[in-house]
Amino acid sequence: MIYFPNCKINIGLNVVQKRDDGFHNIETLLYPIDVEDILEIRPNGKEETTLTLTGLPIKSHSSSNNLCIKAYNILKKDFPELPNVDIHLHKIIPMEAGLGGGSSDAAFTLQLLNYVFELNLSLVQLDKYAQKLGSDCAFFIYNIPAFAYEKGNRLAPTTLSLRGKSILLIKPDISISTAQAYQGVVAKESEYDLLNIVESRPIVQWRHLIKNDFEENIFKNHPELKEIKDKLYEIGALYSQMSGSGSCIYGIFDKDLSEDEINLFKYPFVCHKTLK
């Protein structure tokens, strides 16, 4: 059976506290975007579970480090009757982009295994497994807009809808790991109510009211990212931001972009979508 794990963007991102466990508490709004990987899982009747990767190259080629395998193993521990499977993951979502592709792949693996092998796990139960795999994995279990807090693993509902708007996502040949991004950030309590702003203020005002705390330091080290953000505003973006810890920059528009506007951006990953 085949599923299509999608990505997400962050709208605003406040790093509010360094935790005793070494992680950080954050505040951000997560919004699903239908740029998708392709995930296929089927029983193989063999003595081991296998992983095949195609599409965009993944830096770590070790199957044991792949989140899809980790998702399988975490269920196998509680469901020893789970048969060995062949997992085929075709990567389309760029990595180290702040789009959550790896987390989505893990969450969709949990859901696909649950469906195919009739494990009868509820969303709440799948959420608990997902939280063991990564901070934003749980978001993709529900896959609806949500306000994320604590490590990004706790979710609250939001009324925000961007349905009908268009988005342009751009990732240059720059990769930023989460660890690198946090090195340049000083955690501090937020000076504004992010959820209230995105739910109550027009999108065009967000530019002056919310921000991504990772941008300041990352833009200093990679000024090309700031140039992309500025150009998105120049062609009419209502709001533009780096997603997560980067390096994908997006712009939200109230119009469909022309081919000429899209072609202004000559980068490895440029994707124009209508939001749902």
C-alpha atoms as a PDB file:
ATOM      1  CA  MET A   1       0.000   0.000   0.000  1.00  0.00           C
ATOM      2  CA  ILE A   2       1.154   3.537  -0.766  1.00  0.00           C
ATOM      3  CA  TYR A   3       0.834   6.705   1.316  1.00  0.00           C
ATOM      4  CA  PHE A   4       2.014  10.217   0.515  1.00  0.00           C
ATOM      5  CA  PRO A   5       3.712  11.910   3.516  1.00  0.00           C
ATOM      6  CA  ASN A   6       3.383  15.676   3.183  1.00  0.00           C
ATOM      7  CA  CYS A   7       5.480  18.504   4.574  1.00  0.00           C
ATOM      8  CA  LYS A   8       4.658  21.479   6.788  1.00  0.00           C
ATOM      9  CA  ILE A   9       5.636  25.089   7.257  1.00  0.00           C
ATOM     10  CA  ASN A  10       6.120  27.003  10.492  1.00  0.00           C
ATOM     11  CA  ILE A  11       4.339  30.314  10.860  1.00  0.00           C
ATOM     12  CA  GLY A  12       6.260  32.270  13.471  1.00  0.00           C
ATOM     13  CA  LEU A  13       8.701  30.466  15.727  1.00  0.00           C
ATOM     14  CA  ASN A  14       9.668  31.581  19.208  1.00  0.00           C
ATOM     15  CA  VAL A  15      12.424  29.799  21.147  1.00  0.00           C
ATOM     16  CA  VAL A  16      11.220  30.513  24.645  1.00  0.00           C
ATOM     17  CA  GLN A  17      13.213  28.337  27.073  1.00  0.00           C
ATOM     18  CA  LYS A  18      16.193  25.984  27.352  1.00  0.00           C
ATOM     19  CA  ARG A  19      15.043  22.785  28.996  1.00  0.00           C
ATOM     20  CA  ASP A  20      16.863  20.706  31.598  1.00  0.00           C
ATOM     21  CA  ASP A  21      16.909  17.770  29.161  1.00  0.00           C
ATOM     22  CA  GLY A  22      18.917  19.795  26.633  1.00  0.00           C
ATOM     23  CA  PHE A  23      15.988  20.511  24.329  1.00  0.00           C
ATOM     24  CA  HIS A  24      14.191  23.840  23.921  1.00  0.00           C
ATOM     25  CA  ASN A  25      10.607  24.898  24.457  1.00  0.00           C
ATOM     26  CA  ILE A  26       9.190  26.681  21.452  1.00  0.00           C
ATOM     27  CA  GLU A  27       5.980  28.271  20.207  1.00  0.00           C
ATOM     28  CA  THR A  28       5.029  27.981  16.561  1.00  0.00           C
ATOM     29  CA  LEU A  29       2.083  27.401  14.291  1.00  0.00           C
ATOM     30  CA  LEU A  30       2.379  24.359  12.012  1.00  0.00           C
ATOM     31  CA  TYR A  31       0.505  24.224   8.708  1.00  0.00           C
ATOM     32  CA  PRO A  32       0.404  21.168   6.393  1.00  0.00           C
ATOM     33  CA  ILE A  33       1.504  21.623   2.772  1.00  0.00           C
ATOM     34  CA  ASP A  34       0.847  19.058   0.051  1.00  0.00           C
ATOM     35  CA  VAL A  35       4.402  18.627  -1.136  1.00  0.00           C
ATOM     36  CA  GLU A  36       4.735  14.891  -0.667  1.00  0.00           C
ATOM     37  CA  ASP A  37       7.151  12.000  -0.447  1.00  0.00           C
ATOM     38  CA  ILE A  38       5.968   8.562  -1.582  1.00  0.00           C
ATOM     39  CA  LEU A  39       5.924   5.718   0.944  1.00  0.00           C
ATOM     40  CA  GLU A  40       5.141   2.102   0.124  1.00  0.00           C
ATOM     41  CA  ILE A  41       5.034  -0.743   2.653  1.00  0.00           C
ATOM     42  CA  ARG A  42       4.275  -4.375   1.927  1.00  0.00           C
ATOM     43  CA  PRO A  43       4.894  -7.701   3.701  1.00  0.00           C
ATOM     44  CA  ASN A  44       7.966  -9.430   2.290  1.00  0.00           C
ATOM     45  CA  GLY A  45       7.892 -12.949   3.778  1.00  0.00           C
ATOM     46  CA  LYS A  46      11.607 -12.582   4.492  1.00  0.00           C
ATOM     47  CA  GLU A  47      13.684 -12.793   7.631  1.00  0.00           C
ATOM     48  CA  GLU A  48      14.226  -9.045   7.940  1.00  0.00           C
ATOM     49  CA  THR A  49      12.630  -5.707   7.182  1.00  0.00           C
ATOM     50  CA  THR A  50      14.239  -3.801   4.320  1.00  0.00           C
ATOM     51  CA  LEU A  51      14.383  -0.144   3.328  1.00  0.00           C
ATOM     52  CA  THR A  52      14.854   1.131  -0.228  1.00  0.00           C
ATOM     53  CA  LEU A  53      15.483   4.840  -0.795  1.00  0.00           C
ATOM     54  CA  THR A  54      15.018   6.652  -4.100  1.00  0.00           C
ATOM     55  CA  GLY A  55      14.566  10.265  -5.139  1.00  0.00           C
ATOM     56  CA  LEU A  56      16.572  12.938  -3.366  1.00  0.00           C
ATOM     57  CA  PRO A  57      19.746  11.529  -1.803  1.00  0.00           C
ATOM     58  CA  ILE A  58      19.744  11.134   1.976  1.00  0.00           C
ATOM     59  CA  LYS A  59      22.986  11.914   3.797  1.00  0.00           C
ATOM     60  CA  SER A  60      22.781   8.991   6.198  1.00  0.00           C
ATOM     61  CA  HIS A  61      22.537   5.728   4.297  1.00  0.00           C
ATOM     62  CA  SER A  62      22.278   3.616   7.456  1.00  0.00           C
ATOM     63  CA  SER A  63      18.859   1.974   7.576  1.00  0.00           C
ATOM     64  CA  SER A  64      18.987   1.812  11.366  1.00  0.00           C
ATOM     65  CA  ASN A  65      19.084   5.627  11.519  1.00  0.00           C
ATOM     66  CA  ASN A  66      16.141   6.102   9.176  1.00  0.00           C
ATOM     67  CA  LEU A  67      12.972   7.266  10.900  1.00  0.00           C
ATOM     68  CA  CYS A  68      10.798   4.869   8.893  1.00  0.00           C
ATOM     69  CA  ILE A  69      12.785   1.923  10.263  1.00  0.00           C
ATOM     70  CA  LYS A  70      12.674   3.414  13.746  1.00  0.00           C
ATOM     71  CA  ALA A  71       8.897   3.747  13.430  1.00  0.00           C
ATOM     72  CA  TYR A  72       8.632   0.102  12.380  1.00  0.00           C
ATOM     73  CA  ASN A  73      10.861  -1.045  15.257  1.00  0.00           C
ATOM     74  CA  ILE A  74       8.951   0.928  17.869  1.00  0.00           C
ATOM     75  CA  LEU A  75       5.711  -0.809  16.850  1.00  0.00           C
ATOM     76  CA  LYS A  76       7.393  -4.190  16.484  1.00  0.00           C
ATOM     77  CA  LYS A  77       8.438  -3.983  20.139  1.00  0.00           C
ATOM     78  CA  ASP A  78       4.803  -3.824  21.257  1.00  0.00           C
ATOM     79  CA  PHE A  79       3.398  -5.939  18.419  1.00  0.00           C
ATOM     80  CA  PRO A  80       5.859  -8.841  17.964  1.00  0.00           C
ATOM     81  CA  GLU A  81       3.459 -10.460  15.493  1.00  0.00           C
ATOM     82  CA  LEU A  82       4.110  -7.569  13.056  1.00  0.00           C
ATOM     83  CA  PRO A  83       5.615  -9.245   9.975  1.00  0.00           C
ATOM     84  CA  ASN A  84       8.786  -8.144   8.233  1.00  0.00           C
ATOM     85  CA  VAL A  85       8.135  -5.679   5.433  1.00  0.00           C
ATOM     86  CA  ASP A  86       9.754  -3.965   2.491  1.00  0.00           C
ATOM     87  CA  ILE A  87       9.678  -0.178   2.918  1.00  0.00           C
ATOM     88  CA  HIS A  88      10.219   1.942  -0.183  1.00  0.00           C
ATOM     89  CA  LEU A  89      10.612   5.672   0.421  1.00  0.00           C
ATOM     90  CA  HIS A  90      10.862   8.028  -2.536  1.00  0.00           C
ATOM     91  CA  LYS A  91      12.132  11.402  -1.305  1.00  0.00           C
ATOM     92  CA  ILE A  92      10.714  14.570  -2.859  1.00  0.00           C
ATOM     93  CA  ILE A  93      10.609  16.862   0.193  1.00  0.00           C
ATOM     94  CA  PRO A  94      14.086  18.407   0.585  1.00  0.00           C
ATOM     95  CA  MET A  95      16.012  17.621   3.748  1.00  0.00           C
ATOM     96  CA  GLU A  96      17.421  20.083   6.289  1.00  0.00           C
ATOM     97  CA  ALA A  97      14.887  22.559   4.966  1.00  0.00           C
ATOM     98  CA  GLY A  98      12.632  23.063   8.006  1.00  0.00           C
ATOM     99  CA  LEU A  99       9.767  21.272   6.232  1.00  0.00           C
ATOM    100  CA  GLY A 100       9.554  18.228   8.512  1.00  0.00           C
ATOM    101  CA  GLY A 101       9.874  15.637   5.767  1.00  0.00           C
ATOM    102  CA  GLY A 102      11.619  13.022   7.903  1.00  0.00           C
ATOM    103  CA  SER A 103       9.125  13.453  10.718  1.00  0.00           C
ATOM    104  CA  SER A 104       6.261  13.095   8.276  1.00  0.00           C
ATOM    105  CA  ASP A 105       7.757   9.909   6.828  1.00  0.00           C
ATOM    106  CA  ALA A 106       7.963   8.442  10.343  1.00  0.00           C
ATOM    107  CA  ALA A 107       4.402   9.418  11.263  1.00  0.00           C
ATOM    108  CA  PHE A 108       2.994   8.049   8.015  1.00  0.00           C
ATOM    109  CA  THR A 109       4.922   4.807   8.533  1.00  0.00           C
ATOM    110  CA  LEU A 110       3.170   4.399  11.886  1.00  0.00           C
ATOM    111  CA  GLN A 111      -0.202   5.076  10.285  1.00  0.00           C
ATOM    112  CA  LEU A 112       0.390   2.798   7.313  1.00  0.00           C
ATOM    113  CA  LEU A 113       1.528  -0.110   9.488  1.00  0.00           C
ATOM    114  CA  ASN A 114      -1.462   0.480  11.750  1.00  0.00           C
ATOM    115  CA  TYR A 115      -3.844   0.356   8.778  1.00  0.00           C
ATOM    116  CA  VAL A 116      -2.324  -2.505   6.793  1.00  0.00           C
ATOM    117  CA  PHE A 117      -1.872  -4.845   9.752  1.00  0.00           C
ATOM    118  CA  GLU A 118      -5.024  -3.800  11.617  1.00  0.00           C
ATOM    119  CA  LEU A 119      -3.297  -2.852  14.865  1.00  0.00           C
ATOM    120  CA  ASN A 120      -6.372  -0.792  15.793  1.00  0.00           C
ATOM    121  CA  LEU A 121      -4.359   2.019  17.329  1.00  0.00           C
ATOM    122  CA  SER A 122      -6.234   5.272  17.929  1.00  0.00           C
ATOM    123  CA  LEU A 123      -4.859   8.666  16.938  1.00  0.00           C
ATOM    124  CA  VAL A 124      -4.007   9.306  20.582  1.00  0.00           C
ATOM    125  CA  GLN A 125      -2.036   6.051  20.748  1.00  0.00           C
ATOM    126  CA  LEU A 126      -0.266   6.822  17.460  1.00  0.00           C
ATOM    127  CA  ASP A 127       0.546  10.267  18.851  1.00  0.00           C
ATOM    128  CA  LYS A 128       2.359   8.662  21.804  1.00  0.00           C
ATOM    129  CA  TYR A 129       4.459   6.508  19.493  1.00  0.00           C
ATOM    130  CA  ALA A 130       5.191   9.497  17.256  1.00  0.00           C
ATOM    131  CA  GLN A 131       6.458  11.582  20.175  1.00  0.00           C
ATOM    132  CA  LYS A 132       9.125   8.959  20.806  1.00  0.00           C
ATOM    133  CA  LEU A 133      10.450   9.483  17.283  1.00  0.00           C
ATOM    134  CA  GLY A 134      10.745  13.271  17.082  1.00  0.00           C
ATOM    135  CA  SER A 135       9.351  16.533  18.364  1.00  0.00           C
ATOM    136  CA  ASP A 136       7.148  17.339  15.376  1.00  0.00           C
ATOM    137  CA  CYS A 137       6.212  13.774  14.392  1.00  0.00           C
ATOM    138  CA  ALA A 138       2.961  13.965  16.351  1.00  0.00           C
ATOM    139  CA  PHE A 139       1.775  16.880  14.212  1.00  0.00           C
ATOM    140  CA  PHE A 140       1.664  14.629  11.153  1.00  0.00           C
ATOM    141  CA  ILE A 141      -0.535  12.076  12.920  1.00  0.00           C
ATOM    142  CA  TYR A 142      -3.365  14.636  12.918  1.00  0.00           C
ATOM    143  CA  ASN A 143      -2.069  16.603   9.916  1.00  0.00           C
ATOM    144  CA  ILE A 144      -4.202  19.689  10.453  1.00  0.00           C
ATOM    145  CA  PRO A 145      -3.111  23.250  11.319  1.00  0.00           C
ATOM    146  CA  ALA A 146      -2.068  23.417  14.974  1.00  0.00           C
ATOM    147  CA  PHE A 147      -0.301  25.581  17.521  1.00  0.00           C
ATOM    148  CA  ALA A 148       2.745  23.660  18.751  1.00  0.00           C
ATOM    149  CA  TYR A 149       4.420  24.293  22.093  1.00  0.00           C
ATOM    150  CA  GLU A 150       6.851  22.778  24.606  1.00  0.00           C
ATOM    151  CA  LYS A 151       9.311  20.856  22.357  1.00  0.00           C
ATOM    152  CA  GLY A 152       6.906  21.285  19.469  1.00  0.00           C
ATOM    153  CA  ASN A 153       5.310  17.978  20.417  1.00  0.00           C
ATOM    154  CA  ARG A 154       2.304  19.396  22.273  1.00  0.00           C
ATOM    155  CA  LEU A 155      -0.484  20.610  20.020  1.00  0.00           C
ATOM    156  CA  ALA A 156      -3.441  22.938  20.433  1.00  0.00           C
ATOM    157  CA  PRO A 157      -6.186  23.665  17.887  1.00  0.00           C
ATOM    158  CA  THR A 158      -6.231  26.787  15.747  1.00  0.00           C
ATOM    159  CA  THR A 159      -8.908  28.461  13.654  1.00  0.00           C
ATOM    160  CA  LEU A 160      -6.371  29.641  11.078  1.00  0.00           C
ATOM    161  CA  SER A 161      -7.195  28.719   7.486  1.00  0.00           C
ATOM    162  CA  LEU A 162      -5.116  29.710   4.482  1.00  0.00           C
ATOM    163  CA  ARG A 163      -7.397  27.891   2.043  1.00  0.00           C
ATOM    164  CA  GLY A 164      -7.256  29.437  -1.413  1.00  0.00           C
ATOM    165  CA  LYS A 165      -4.009  31.312  -0.836  1.00  0.00           C
ATOM    166  CA  SER A 166      -0.961  30.242  -2.821  1.00  0.00           C
ATOM    167  CA  ILE A 167       2.500  29.506  -1.509  1.00  0.00           C
ATOM    168  CA  LEU A 168       5.918  29.515  -3.107  1.00  0.00           C
ATOM    169  CA  LEU A 169       8.565  27.405  -1.382  1.00  0.00           C
ATOM    170  CA  ILE A 170      12.232  27.900  -2.218  1.00  0.00           C
ATOM    171  CA  LYS A 171      15.235  25.988  -0.951  1.00  0.00           C
ATOM    172  CA  PRO A 172      18.646  26.991  -2.241  1.00  0.00           C
ATOM    173  CA  ASP A 173      21.642  24.666  -2.057  1.00  0.00           C
ATOM    174  CA  ILE A 174      22.042  25.417   1.651  1.00  0.00           C
ATOM    175  CA  SER A 175      21.372  22.862   4.369  1.00  0.00           C
ATOM    176  CA  ILE A 176      21.047  23.740   8.036  1.00  0.00           C
ATOM    177  CA  SER A 177      20.768  21.092  10.724  1.00  0.00           C
ATOM    178  CA  THR A 178      18.580  21.698  13.742  1.00  0.00           C
ATOM    179  CA  ALA A 179      21.656  21.567  15.990  1.00  0.00           C
ATOM    180  CA  GLN A 180      23.385  24.267  13.920  1.00  0.00           C
ATOM    181  CA  ALA A 181      20.310  26.480  14.045  1.00  0.00           C
ATOM    182  CA  TYR A 182      20.020  26.340  17.834  1.00  0.00           C
ATOM    183  CA  GLN A 183      23.672  27.300  18.309  1.00  0.00           C
ATOM    184  CA  GLY A 184      22.865  30.873  17.307  1.00  0.00           C
ATOM    185  CA  VAL A 185      19.695  31.368  19.364  1.00  0.00           C
ATOM    186  CA  VAL A 186      19.241  32.701  22.884  1.00  0.00           C
ATOM    187  CA  ALA A 187      16.011  31.418  24.415  1.00  0.00           C
ATOM    188  CA  LYS A 188      13.719  34.061  25.879  1.00  0.00           C
ATOM    189  CA  GLU A 189      10.047  34.464  26.668  1.00  0.00           C
ATOM    190  CA  SER A 190       8.020  35.707  23.737  1.00  0.00           C
ATOM    191  CA  GLU A 191       6.920  39.331  23.751  1.00  0.00           C
ATOM    192  CA  TYR A 192       3.745  38.620  21.762  1.00  0.00           C
ATOM    193  CA  ASP A 193       0.873  36.146  21.574  1.00  0.00           C
ATOM    194  CA  LEU A 194       1.636  34.262  18.365  1.00  0.00           C
ATOM    195  CA  LEU A 195      -1.589  32.260  18.215  1.00  0.00           C
ATOM    196  CA  ASN A 196      -3.773  35.308  18.809  1.00  0.00           C
ATOM    197  CA  ILE A 197      -1.995  37.290  16.102  1.00  0.00           C
ATOM    198  CA  VAL A 198      -2.239  34.660  13.361  1.00  0.00           C
ATOM    199  CA  GLU A 199      -5.902  34.011  14.175  1.00  0.00           C
ATOM    200  CA  SER A 200      -7.037  37.623  14.500  1.00  0.00           C
ATOM    201  CA  ARG A 201      -4.793  39.812  12.346  1.00  0.00           C
ATOM    202  CA  PRO A 202      -4.722  40.052   8.538  1.00  0.00           C
ATOM    203  CA  ILE A 203      -1.853  38.089   7.001  1.00  0.00           C
ATOM    204  CA  VAL A 204      -0.342  41.245   5.544  1.00  0.00           C
ATOM    205  CA  GLN A 205       0.237  42.513   9.113  1.00  0.00           C
ATOM    206  CA  TRP A 206       2.138  39.406  10.281  1.00  0.00           C
ATOM    207  CA  ARG A 207       5.354  40.761   8.763  1.00  0.00           C
ATOM    208  CA  HIS A 208       5.488  43.432  11.474  1.00  0.00           C
ATOM    209  CA  LEU A 209       4.153  41.362  14.363  1.00  0.00           C
ATOM    210  CA  ILE A 210       5.704  37.876  14.328  1.00  0.00           C
ATOM    211  CA  LYS A 211       9.056  36.342  13.432  1.00  0.00           C
ATOM    212  CA  ASN A 212      11.155  33.206  13.318  1.00  0.00           C
ATOM    213  CA  ASP A 213      13.844  33.448  16.005  1.00  0.00           C
ATOM    214  CA  PHE A 214      16.233  31.371  13.890  1.00  0.00           C
ATOM    215  CA  GLU A 215      16.327  33.889  11.048  1.00  0.00           C
ATOM    216  CA  GLU A 216      18.557  36.572  12.533  1.00  0.00           C
ATOM    217  CA  ASN A 217      21.650  34.440  13.034  1.00  0.00           C
ATOM    218  CA  ILE A 218      21.085  32.161  10.036  1.00  0.00           C
ATOM    219  CA  PHE A 219      20.605  35.130   7.712  1.00  0.00           C
ATOM    220  CA  LYS A 220      23.931  36.548   8.924  1.00  0.00           C
ATOM    221  CA  ASN A 221      25.665  33.312   7.970  1.00  0.00           C
ATOM    222  CA  HIS A 222      23.641  32.793   4.792  1.00  0.00           C
ATOM    223  CA  PRO A 223      22.616  36.215   3.382  1.00  0.00           C
ATOM    224  CA  GLU A 224      21.228  34.533   0.271  1.00  0.00           C
ATOM    225  CA  LEU A 225      18.268  33.376   2.358  1.00  0.00           C
ATOM    226  CA  LYS A 226      17.450  36.976   3.329  1.00  0.00           C
ATOM    227  CA  GLU A 227      17.681  37.957  -0.336  1.00  0.00           C
ATOM    228  CA  ILE A 228      15.116  35.297  -1.244  1.00  0.00           C
ATOM    229  CA  LYS A 229      12.774  36.504   1.488  1.00  0.00           C
ATOM    230  CA  ASP A 230      13.087  40.103   0.314  1.00  0.00           C
ATOM    231  CA  LYS A 231      12.433  39.127  -3.300  1.00  0.00           C
ATOM    232  CA  LEU A 232       9.273  37.257  -2.282  1.00  0.00           C
ATOM    233  CA  TYR A 233       7.991  40.454  -0.727  1.00  0.00           C
ATOM    234  CA  GLU A 234       8.964  42.365  -3.866  1.00  0.00           C
ATOM    235  CA  ILE A 235       6.697  40.167  -6.017  1.00  0.00           C
ATOM    236  CA  GLY A 236       3.764  40.609  -3.660  1.00  0.00           C
ATOM    237  CA  ALA A 237       3.981  38.105  -0.817  1.00  0.00           C
ATOM    238  CA  LEU A 238       1.571  38.833   2.010  1.00  0.00           C
ATOM    239  CA  TYR A 239       3.988  37.117   4.387  1.00  0.00           C
ATOM    240  CA  SER A 240       7.374  35.485   3.988  1.00  0.00           C
ATOM    241  CA  GLN A 241       9.480  33.502   6.438  1.00  0.00           C
ATOM    242  CA  MET A 242      12.085  30.806   6.793  1.00  0.00           C
ATOM    243  CA  SER A 243      10.347  27.584   7.803  1.00  0.00           C
ATOM    244  CA  GLY A 244      11.497  25.991  11.038  1.00  0.00           C
ATOM    245  CA  SER A 245      15.259  25.948  11.419  1.00  0.00           C
ATOM    246  CA  GLY A 246      15.683  26.422   7.667  1.00  0.00           C
ATOM    247  CA  SER A 247      16.728  26.626   4.976  1.00  0.00           C
ATOM    248  CA  CYS A 248      13.468  26.727   2.990  1.00  0.00           C
ATOM    249  CA  ILE A 249      11.971  30.192   2.550  1.00  0.00           C
ATOM    250  CA  TYR A 250       8.299  30.529   1.694  1.00  0.00           C
ATOM    251  CA  GLY A 251       5.986  33.307   0.613  1.00  0.00           C
ATOM    252  CA  ILE A 252       2.201  33.313   1.006  1.00  0.00           C
ATOM    253  CA  PHE A 253       0.253  35.110  -1.732  1.00  0.00           C
ATOM    254  CA  ASP A 254      -3.365  36.006  -2.408  1.00  0.00           C
ATOM    255  CA  LYS A 255      -2.814  35.435  -6.113  1.00  0.00           C
ATOM    256  CA  ASP A 256      -1.572  32.721  -8.436  1.00  0.00           C
ATOM    257  CA  LEU A 257       1.976  33.469  -9.485  1.00  0.00           C
ATOM    258  CA  SER A 258       2.896  33.747 -13.130  1.00  0.00           C
ATOM    259  CA  GLU A 259       5.529  31.515 -14.669  1.00  0.00           C
ATOM    260  CA  ASP A 260       7.780  34.557 -15.044  1.00  0.00           C
ATOM    261  CA  GLU A 261       7.500  35.326 -11.309  1.00  0.00           C
ATOM    262  CA  ILE A 262       8.283  31.735 -10.348  1.00  0.00           C
ATOM    263  CA  ASN A 263      11.221  31.649 -12.757  1.00  0.00           C
ATOM    264  CA  LEU A 264      12.846  34.562 -10.931  1.00  0.00           C
ATOM    265  CA  PHE A 265      14.066  31.954  -8.452  1.00  0.00           C
ATOM    266  CA  LYS A 266      16.786  29.725  -9.912  1.00  0.00           C
ATOM    267  CA  TYR A 267      17.282  27.217  -7.115  1.00  0.00           C
ATOM    268  CA  PRO A 268      17.308  23.406  -6.715  1.00  0.00           C
ATOM    269  CA  PHE A 269      13.852  23.361  -5.121  1.00  0.00           C
ATOM    270  CA  VAL A 270      11.123  25.779  -6.196  1.00  0.00           C
ATOM    271  CA  CYS A 271       7.518  24.717  -5.654  1.00  0.00           C
ATOM    272  CA  HIS A 272       4.259  26.640  -6.129  1.00  0.00           C
ATOM    273  CA  LYS A 273       1.103  25.287  -4.508  1.00  0.00           C
ATOM    274  CA  THR A 274      -2.451  26.358  -3.716  1.00  0.00           C
ATOM    275  CA  LEU A 275      -3.141  25.989   0.000  1.00  0.00           C
ATOM    276  CA  LYS A 276      -5.936  23.830   1.357  1.00  0.00           C
END
